[in-house]
Protein backbone atom coordinates (compact mmCIF):
# COMPACT_ATOMS: atom_id res chain seq x y z
CA MET A 1 12.21 -169.86 66.46
CA GLN A 2 14.48 -172.76 68.28
CA ASN A 3 11.87 -175.15 67.75
CA LYS A 4 12.53 -174.84 63.50
CA THR A 5 14.78 -177.33 62.02
CA VAL A 6 18.04 -176.29 60.33
CA CYS A 7 19.73 -178.01 57.73
CA VAL A 8 23.67 -177.16 57.18
CA ILE A 9 25.10 -178.09 53.99
CA GLY A 10 28.80 -178.80 54.46
CA LEU A 11 30.56 -179.95 57.73
CA GLY A 12 33.92 -178.30 57.45
CA TYR A 13 35.78 -175.49 59.46
CA ILE A 14 32.54 -173.34 59.16
CA GLY A 15 29.47 -175.60 58.80
CA LEU A 16 30.29 -178.02 61.71
CA PRO A 17 30.85 -174.96 64.32
CA THR A 18 27.71 -173.26 63.19
CA ALA A 19 25.72 -176.56 63.38
CA ALA A 20 26.87 -177.28 66.71
CA LEU A 21 26.61 -173.88 67.98
CA LEU A 22 22.93 -173.98 66.53
CA ALA A 23 22.07 -177.34 68.22
CA GLY A 24 23.12 -175.94 71.84
CA LYS A 25 21.08 -173.10 71.10
CA GLY A 26 17.76 -175.39 70.70
CA TYR A 27 17.48 -175.84 67.12
CA GLN A 28 17.17 -179.63 65.65
CA VAL A 29 19.93 -179.51 63.24
CA ILE A 30 20.48 -181.59 60.19
CA GLY A 31 24.23 -181.65 59.28
CA VAL A 32 25.03 -182.90 55.53
CA ASP A 33 28.45 -183.69 54.21
CA VAL A 34 29.13 -185.64 51.43
CA ASN A 35 32.14 -187.70 52.94
CA PRO A 36 30.81 -190.52 54.59
CA LYS A 37 33.55 -190.60 56.79
CA THR A 38 33.02 -186.99 57.86
CA VAL A 39 29.59 -187.90 59.00
CA GLU A 40 30.70 -191.03 60.75
CA ILE A 41 32.70 -189.48 62.89
CA ILE A 42 30.36 -186.48 63.90
CA ASN A 43 27.68 -189.00 64.66
CA LYS A 44 29.98 -190.50 67.16
CA GLY A 45 30.10 -187.03 68.92
CA GLN A 46 33.64 -186.60 67.74
CA ILE A 47 35.17 -184.05 65.41
CA HIS A 48 37.35 -184.01 62.07
CA ILE A 49 38.77 -180.41 62.62
CA VAL A 50 40.95 -178.78 65.18
CA GLU A 51 39.21 -176.24 66.87
CA PRO A 52 38.94 -175.30 70.48
CA ASP A 53 35.86 -176.02 72.51
CA LEU A 54 34.32 -177.42 69.11
CA ASP A 55 34.84 -181.04 70.66
CA ALA A 56 32.56 -180.34 73.67
CA PHE A 57 29.63 -178.37 71.43
CA VAL A 58 29.66 -181.30 68.89
CA ARG A 59 29.32 -183.97 71.76
CA SER A 60 27.00 -182.28 73.53
CA ALA A 61 24.65 -181.35 70.51
CA VAL A 62 24.96 -185.01 69.01
CA SER A 63 24.34 -187.06 72.79
CA SER A 64 21.01 -184.49 73.30
CA GLY A 65 19.76 -185.68 69.72
CA LYS A 66 19.80 -182.27 68.39
CA LEU A 67 22.49 -182.74 65.98
CA LYS A 68 22.87 -185.65 63.48
CA ALA A 69 24.75 -185.79 60.39
CA GLN A 70 23.75 -187.34 57.28
CA THR A 71 24.87 -187.44 53.32
CA GLU A 72 21.79 -186.10 52.03
CA PRO A 73 19.61 -183.35 53.04
CA ALA A 74 16.08 -183.30 54.37
CA HIS A 75 13.16 -180.91 55.03
CA ALA A 76 14.08 -178.28 57.10
CA ASP A 77 12.84 -175.06 57.81
CA ILE A 78 16.11 -173.07 57.22
CA PHE A 79 18.85 -174.12 55.04
CA MET A 80 22.57 -172.81 55.53
CA VAL A 81 25.02 -173.41 52.82
CA CYS A 82 28.67 -173.69 54.01
CA VAL A 83 30.48 -175.13 51.01
CA PRO A 84 33.75 -174.46 49.76
CA THR A 85 34.25 -171.82 47.07
CA PRO A 86 37.92 -172.26 45.78
CA LEU A 87 39.69 -171.10 42.67
CA LEU A 88 39.75 -172.54 39.00
CA GLU A 89 42.84 -172.30 36.31
CA LYS A 90 43.67 -168.67 35.46
CA GLN A 91 42.09 -166.64 32.44
CA ASP A 92 44.55 -163.89 31.43
CA GLY A 93 46.78 -164.63 34.52
CA ILE A 94 43.76 -164.45 36.96
CA PRO A 95 42.50 -167.22 38.86
CA GLN A 96 38.74 -167.73 38.36
CA PRO A 97 36.33 -168.48 41.06
CA ASP A 98 34.50 -171.72 41.47
CA ILE A 99 31.02 -171.90 42.51
CA SER A 100 30.26 -175.22 41.42
CA TYR A 101 30.00 -176.44 44.83
CA VAL A 102 27.29 -173.73 45.67
CA GLU A 103 25.36 -174.76 42.55
CA SER A 104 25.38 -178.60 43.35
CA ALA A 105 24.43 -177.42 47.30
CA VAL A 106 21.51 -175.71 45.97
CA LYS A 107 20.41 -178.21 43.60
CA SER A 108 20.41 -181.17 46.27
CA ILE A 109 18.13 -178.78 48.74
CA ALA A 110 15.55 -177.85 45.97
CA PRO A 111 13.38 -181.00 46.49
CA TYR A 112 12.89 -180.28 50.01
CA LEU A 113 12.16 -176.75 49.61
CA LYS A 114 8.39 -175.39 50.98
CA SER A 115 6.73 -172.04 51.34
CA GLY A 116 8.49 -169.99 54.05
CA ASN A 117 11.66 -171.80 54.16
CA LEU A 118 14.84 -169.52 54.78
CA ILE A 119 17.72 -170.00 52.58
CA ILE A 120 21.21 -168.51 53.82
CA LEU A 121 24.40 -168.81 51.83
CA GLU A 122 27.42 -168.20 54.23
CA SER A 123 30.25 -169.51 51.52
CA THR A 124 32.74 -166.75 50.54
CA SER A 125 31.50 -165.89 46.75
CA PRO A 126 31.80 -163.75 44.14
CA VAL A 127 29.43 -161.22 43.79
CA GLY A 128 26.25 -162.08 42.39
CA THR A 129 26.34 -165.35 43.45
CA THR A 130 23.24 -165.67 45.67
CA ALA A 131 21.41 -164.05 42.62
CA ALA A 132 22.55 -167.23 40.42
CA MET A 133 21.51 -169.25 43.36
CA THR A 134 18.02 -167.92 43.15
CA GLN A 135 18.07 -168.53 39.24
CA VAL A 136 19.23 -172.15 39.64
CA LEU A 137 16.51 -172.58 42.17
CA SER A 138 13.76 -171.07 39.85
CA GLY A 139 14.80 -173.24 36.86
CA LEU A 140 14.40 -176.08 38.96
CA GLY A 141 10.86 -175.26 39.17
CA VAL A 142 11.16 -173.57 42.79
CA ASP A 143 8.85 -170.67 43.33
CA VAL A 144 11.49 -168.39 45.00
CA SER A 145 9.16 -165.78 45.77
CA LYS A 146 7.82 -168.00 48.26
CA ILE A 147 11.27 -168.36 49.84
CA HIS A 148 13.34 -166.11 51.53
CA ILE A 149 16.86 -166.14 50.33
CA ALA A 150 19.99 -164.27 51.45
CA TYR A 151 23.92 -164.03 51.88
CA CYS A 152 25.50 -163.82 55.24
CA PRO A 153 29.26 -164.41 55.17
CA GLU A 154 31.03 -165.58 58.44
CA ARG A 155 33.92 -163.41 59.91
CA VAL A 156 35.29 -165.99 62.32
CA LEU A 157 38.96 -166.42 62.83
CA PRO A 158 40.40 -170.09 63.40
CA GLY A 159 40.83 -170.58 66.71
CA LYS A 160 38.02 -168.74 67.90
CA ILE A 161 35.56 -169.86 65.78
CA MET A 162 33.23 -171.01 68.56
CA THR A 163 33.29 -167.18 70.53
CA GLU A 164 33.20 -165.38 67.09
CA LEU A 165 30.11 -166.68 65.88
CA VAL A 166 28.26 -165.55 68.54
CA GLU A 167 29.87 -162.67 69.40
CA ASN A 168 30.61 -160.64 65.89
CA ASP A 169 28.78 -158.35 64.13
CA ARG A 170 26.53 -160.08 61.09
CA VAL A 171 25.55 -158.77 57.77
CA VAL A 172 22.78 -160.01 55.99
CA GLY A 173 21.99 -159.32 52.69
CA GLY A 174 18.41 -160.38 51.36
CA MET A 175 17.34 -160.80 47.96
CA THR A 176 14.36 -158.91 48.88
CA THR A 177 13.66 -156.66 51.89
CA GLY A 178 11.59 -159.58 53.47
CA ALA A 179 14.55 -161.94 53.37
CA SER A 180 16.87 -159.79 55.02
CA GLU A 181 14.07 -159.33 57.86
CA ALA A 182 13.08 -162.63 58.39
CA ILE A 183 16.82 -164.03 58.12
CA SER A 184 18.14 -161.24 60.60
CA GLU A 185 15.37 -162.22 63.03
CA PHE A 186 16.91 -165.79 62.83
CA TYR A 187 20.70 -164.99 63.43
CA LYS A 188 20.03 -162.36 66.30
CA SER A 189 18.49 -165.78 68.02
CA PHE A 190 22.11 -166.89 68.75
CA VAL A 191 24.19 -163.64 67.75
CA ARG A 192 24.88 -161.14 70.37
CA GLY A 193 26.68 -159.01 68.09
CA GLU A 194 24.56 -156.49 65.79
CA VAL A 195 22.65 -157.77 62.98
CA ILE A 196 22.60 -155.67 59.77
CA GLN A 197 20.50 -155.59 57.20
CA THR A 198 21.52 -154.69 53.45
CA ASN A 199 21.14 -156.65 49.82
CA ALA A 200 22.79 -159.32 48.45
CA PRO A 201 25.41 -158.09 46.11
CA THR A 202 26.55 -155.40 48.95
CA ALA A 203 26.84 -158.38 51.52
CA GLU A 204 28.68 -160.12 49.07
CA MET A 205 31.38 -157.52 48.27
CA CYS A 206 31.52 -156.85 52.26
CA LYS A 207 33.11 -160.08 53.03
CA LEU A 208 35.38 -159.56 49.72
CA ALA A 209 36.28 -155.81 50.81
CA GLU A 210 37.25 -157.16 54.48
CA ASN A 211 39.54 -159.91 53.08
CA SER A 212 40.98 -157.91 50.24
CA TYR A 213 41.77 -155.04 53.20
CA ARG A 214 43.75 -157.38 55.20
CA ASP A 215 45.60 -159.05 51.99
CA VAL A 216 46.56 -155.45 50.99
CA ASN A 217 47.98 -154.68 54.42
CA ILE A 218 49.89 -158.13 54.98
CA ALA A 219 51.46 -157.41 51.31
CA TYR A 220 52.88 -154.10 52.91
CA ALA A 221 54.47 -155.86 55.30
CA ASN A 222 55.87 -158.66 53.30
CA GLU A 223 56.92 -156.26 50.55
CA LEU A 224 59.00 -154.05 53.40
CA SER A 225 61.03 -157.39 54.67
CA LEU A 226 62.02 -158.06 50.91
CA ILE A 227 63.19 -154.33 50.96
CA CYS A 228 64.87 -154.49 54.40
CA ALA A 229 66.70 -157.92 53.63
CA ASN A 230 68.19 -156.11 50.73
CA ALA A 231 69.37 -152.87 52.75
CA ASN A 232 70.52 -155.24 55.61
CA ILE A 233 68.12 -153.87 57.95
CA ASN A 234 66.25 -155.59 60.77
CA VAL A 235 62.53 -155.46 59.64
CA THR A 236 61.38 -156.63 62.92
CA LYS A 237 63.14 -153.64 64.76
CA LEU A 238 62.13 -151.41 61.90
CA ILE A 239 58.24 -152.17 62.68
CA GLU A 240 58.65 -151.86 66.17
CA LEU A 241 60.17 -148.22 65.76
CA ALA A 242 57.46 -147.47 63.00
CA ASN A 243 54.65 -148.95 65.19
CA ARG A 244 55.63 -146.25 67.62
CA HIS A 245 53.70 -143.69 65.52
CA PRO A 246 50.38 -143.13 66.83
CA ARG A 247 48.82 -143.80 63.50
CA VAL A 248 50.88 -146.55 62.37
CA ASN A 249 50.33 -150.20 62.63
CA ILE A 250 52.32 -152.15 60.54
CA LEU A 251 51.83 -155.77 60.43
CA THR A 252 54.24 -158.57 61.02
CA PRO A 253 55.83 -160.20 57.71
CA GLY A 254 55.36 -163.89 57.31
CA VAL A 255 56.14 -166.60 54.31
CA GLY A 256 53.01 -165.62 52.46
CA VAL A 257 49.12 -165.88 53.10
CA GLY A 258 47.17 -168.83 53.33
CA GLY A 259 43.96 -170.17 54.44
CA HIS A 260 40.80 -170.25 52.07
CA CYS A 261 39.76 -166.35 52.80
CA ILE A 262 42.62 -164.06 52.39
CA ALA A 263 44.47 -166.10 49.71
CA VAL A 264 41.31 -166.49 47.80
CA ASP A 265 38.65 -163.72 48.31
CA PRO A 266 40.38 -161.12 46.61
CA TRP A 267 40.95 -162.94 43.31
CA PHE A 268 36.84 -163.04 43.34
CA VAL A 269 37.17 -159.22 43.05
CA VAL A 270 39.95 -159.15 40.77
CA ALA A 271 38.67 -161.83 38.44
CA LYS A 272 34.93 -159.53 38.47
CA ASP A 273 36.72 -156.34 37.57
CA PRO A 274 40.60 -156.90 36.64
CA HIS A 275 40.72 -153.10 35.14
CA ASN A 276 39.83 -151.26 38.54
CA ALA A 277 41.06 -153.73 41.30
CA ARG A 278 44.87 -152.86 40.36
CA LEU A 279 45.95 -152.40 43.96
CA ILE A 280 44.22 -155.85 45.09
CA HIS A 281 45.53 -157.58 42.37
CA THR A 282 49.09 -156.10 43.14
CA ALA A 283 48.89 -157.17 46.98
CA ARG A 284 48.08 -160.90 46.12
CA THR A 285 50.97 -160.90 43.76
CA VAL A 286 53.31 -159.40 46.33
CA ASN A 287 52.09 -161.80 48.42
CA ASP A 288 52.81 -165.22 46.61
CA GLY A 289 55.92 -163.35 45.74
CA LYS A 290 56.87 -163.52 49.17
CA THR A 291 56.64 -167.33 49.19
CA GLU A 292 58.76 -167.64 46.19
CA TRP A 293 61.24 -165.52 47.49
CA VAL A 294 61.63 -167.49 50.85
CA ILE A 295 62.08 -170.75 48.59
CA ALA A 296 64.95 -169.28 46.92
CA GLN A 297 66.78 -167.73 50.03
CA ILE A 298 66.27 -171.58 51.43
CA ALA A 299 67.62 -173.01 48.55
CA ASP A 300 70.51 -170.84 48.54
CA GLN A 301 70.92 -171.70 52.43
CA ILE A 302 70.91 -175.57 51.53
CA ASN A 303 73.51 -175.20 48.81
CA THR A 304 75.84 -173.17 51.16
CA LEU A 305 75.35 -175.60 53.78
CA LYS A 306 76.00 -178.57 51.31
CA SER A 307 79.19 -177.26 50.33
CA SER A 308 80.41 -176.55 53.77
CA LEU A 309 79.65 -179.59 55.33
CA GLN A 310 80.58 -181.74 52.26
CA ARG A 311 77.19 -183.78 52.69
CA LYS A 312 73.59 -183.07 52.20
CA PRO A 313 72.42 -181.00 55.04
CA THR A 314 69.65 -182.14 57.61
CA VAL A 315 66.75 -179.56 57.20
CA ALA A 316 63.74 -179.17 59.91
CA CYS A 317 60.64 -177.49 58.75
CA PHE A 318 58.60 -176.08 61.44
CA GLY A 319 55.12 -175.59 60.52
CA LEU A 320 52.93 -176.37 57.76
CA ALA A 321 49.39 -174.99 58.80
CA PHE A 322 48.56 -171.24 57.18
CA LYS A 323 48.77 -169.52 61.09
CA PRO A 324 49.65 -170.42 64.36
CA ASP A 325 47.91 -173.08 66.70
CA ILE A 326 45.50 -174.63 64.22
CA ASP A 327 45.62 -177.88 61.91
CA ASP A 328 44.28 -176.04 58.62
CA LEU A 329 46.42 -176.19 55.63
CA ARG A 330 44.33 -174.92 53.21
CA GLU A 331 46.20 -172.37 50.75
CA SER A 332 48.92 -172.72 53.43
CA PRO A 333 52.33 -171.13 51.89
CA ALA A 334 54.49 -173.04 54.78
CA LEU A 335 53.16 -176.47 52.99
CA LEU A 336 54.43 -174.93 49.49
CA VAL A 337 57.56 -174.14 51.31
CA ALA A 338 58.20 -177.54 52.53
CA GLU A 339 57.07 -179.30 49.32
CA LYS A 340 59.62 -177.47 47.59
CA ILE A 341 62.24 -178.43 50.01
CA SER A 342 61.44 -181.93 49.75
CA ALA A 343 62.61 -181.69 46.07
CA MET A 344 65.70 -180.04 46.81
CA ASP A 345 69.12 -182.02 47.60
CA CYS A 346 68.90 -182.21 51.41
CA GLU A 347 67.32 -184.34 54.52
CA LEU A 348 63.77 -183.06 55.13
CA LEU A 349 62.00 -183.19 58.74
CA VAL A 350 59.14 -181.63 58.78
CA VAL A 351 57.20 -180.41 62.01
CA GLU A 352 53.10 -180.07 62.29
CA PRO A 353 52.30 -180.88 66.24
CA ASN A 354 48.48 -180.09 65.26
CA ILE A 355 47.76 -182.63 62.81
CA GLU A 356 48.14 -186.78 63.32
CA GLY A 357 50.08 -187.46 59.59
CA HIS A 358 50.27 -185.81 55.92
CA ALA A 359 49.98 -187.98 52.89
CA SER A 360 53.37 -186.33 51.64
CA PHE A 361 55.51 -186.17 54.64
CA THR A 362 56.34 -188.02 57.42
CA LEU A 363 55.97 -185.89 60.53
CA CYS A 364 58.64 -185.50 63.45
CA ASN A 365 58.53 -184.14 67.18
CA PRO A 366 59.74 -180.68 67.26
CA ALA A 367 62.60 -182.04 69.78
CA LYS A 368 63.91 -184.79 67.44
CA ALA A 369 63.90 -182.17 64.75
CA TYR A 370 66.04 -179.39 65.94
CA ASP A 371 68.56 -182.21 67.71
CA SER A 372 68.98 -183.60 64.33
CA ALA A 373 68.94 -180.67 61.79
CA ASP A 374 71.83 -178.53 60.59
CA LEU A 375 69.34 -175.92 59.42
CA LEU A 376 66.34 -174.85 61.34
CA ILE A 377 63.59 -172.99 59.26
CA PHE A 378 60.78 -171.83 61.24
CA LEU A 379 57.53 -170.93 58.85
CA VAL A 380 54.79 -170.89 61.82
CA LYS A 381 54.67 -169.49 65.16
CA HIS A 382 53.09 -172.44 66.68
CA ARG A 383 53.21 -172.36 70.76
CA GLN A 384 55.13 -175.63 70.73
CA PHE A 385 57.88 -174.09 68.93
CA ILE A 386 57.95 -170.77 71.01
CA ASP A 387 58.41 -173.05 74.02
CA LEU A 388 61.33 -175.03 71.90
CA VAL A 389 63.33 -171.66 71.28
CA LYS A 390 63.31 -170.60 74.90
CA HIS A 391 64.87 -173.52 75.96
CA ALA A 392 66.83 -174.47 73.03
CA ASP A 393 70.49 -173.71 72.68
CA LEU A 394 70.73 -172.25 69.19
CA SER A 395 74.36 -172.21 68.83
CA GLY A 396 75.88 -174.35 66.19
CA LYS A 397 72.73 -174.12 64.26
CA THR A 398 71.79 -172.24 61.22
CA VAL A 399 68.25 -170.70 61.63
CA LEU A 400 65.93 -169.09 59.14
CA ASP A 401 63.01 -167.35 60.95
CA TYR A 402 59.82 -166.33 58.52
CA CYS A 403 57.28 -166.12 61.52
CA GLY A 404 58.99 -163.64 63.81
CA ILE A 405 59.82 -166.57 66.33
CA LEU A 406 63.11 -165.19 67.75
């Protein structure tokens, strides 16, 4: 199968690693992205996102001639759609899924399709999106009976993408049994995990169920942190004790929930069936509410310091990414907190070692921020911050720790 050509639509956090991995496995890969700058960077053998080992994969793939990036699709044997599926404005208080990028991607490949092609949707999507994609193609005059179409969600963890693309099990949900079988064979050519066949709606719901499960568990930890704060109980110590129970594994509370998956996907379930998705809806509300609580706590602390110092306090905000040791700011609660602090009556220093710059902030190095600040706010447990805390004398500093770094 490796003599086939694969066209990957969308060269972001999933599309680019997938394209580079497939090129390394011998496929001829055409990577497509609407951003000309992204295309230019990749064709130089470089990367525009931070992910361990990805740079080496891309450099090798481009230098071998197996990976080429461009702004338009081309003829291929296999098409993979890896584009964003963000949220739209709320209806009745519930954010609605936006599948317009998927629709645009499908329309863009329609002129290049031929009998026997495989089309795979990997973008996290509401139940029914694969069927809707098939209807779009049919409406454009494509004979979908001669094309294999399936949904196969990614299940990777940022920071371990290049490993988990290969090691993790995959669920392939075809529009037909034949599609499931054909596309499963493709995944088996580069996945060491088990490749499991089902239908498209089940595969779509599987990805949403996985991330909703994680969101609910995080919500429990975040809600527990609020209860403990009111009761003057150290939530970290409490969780350590509770987790000594052989069947209890409470997660670590944080600033909220970020990233394109866990902060977004549960809303796809709620939007589709708000009457029955009550627990999932509540978890989303709890996790978003935790971010608001953090912002209110910080505002109170800034006002207290302003009164005691008789001047604007200098505040150092450590971390903007949605999780440790990555550059991904999508749906990041830490970024939202920093934006809210910037509107408060203080001098703000922002530290994020995993990005080179940000449109809204002038970034500061960790040591300078530590030396200059009256108030240290730890939002993300980056390894650089762990090293700083180990060797720094925090006496005389006011510290708010929302990521368990202390």
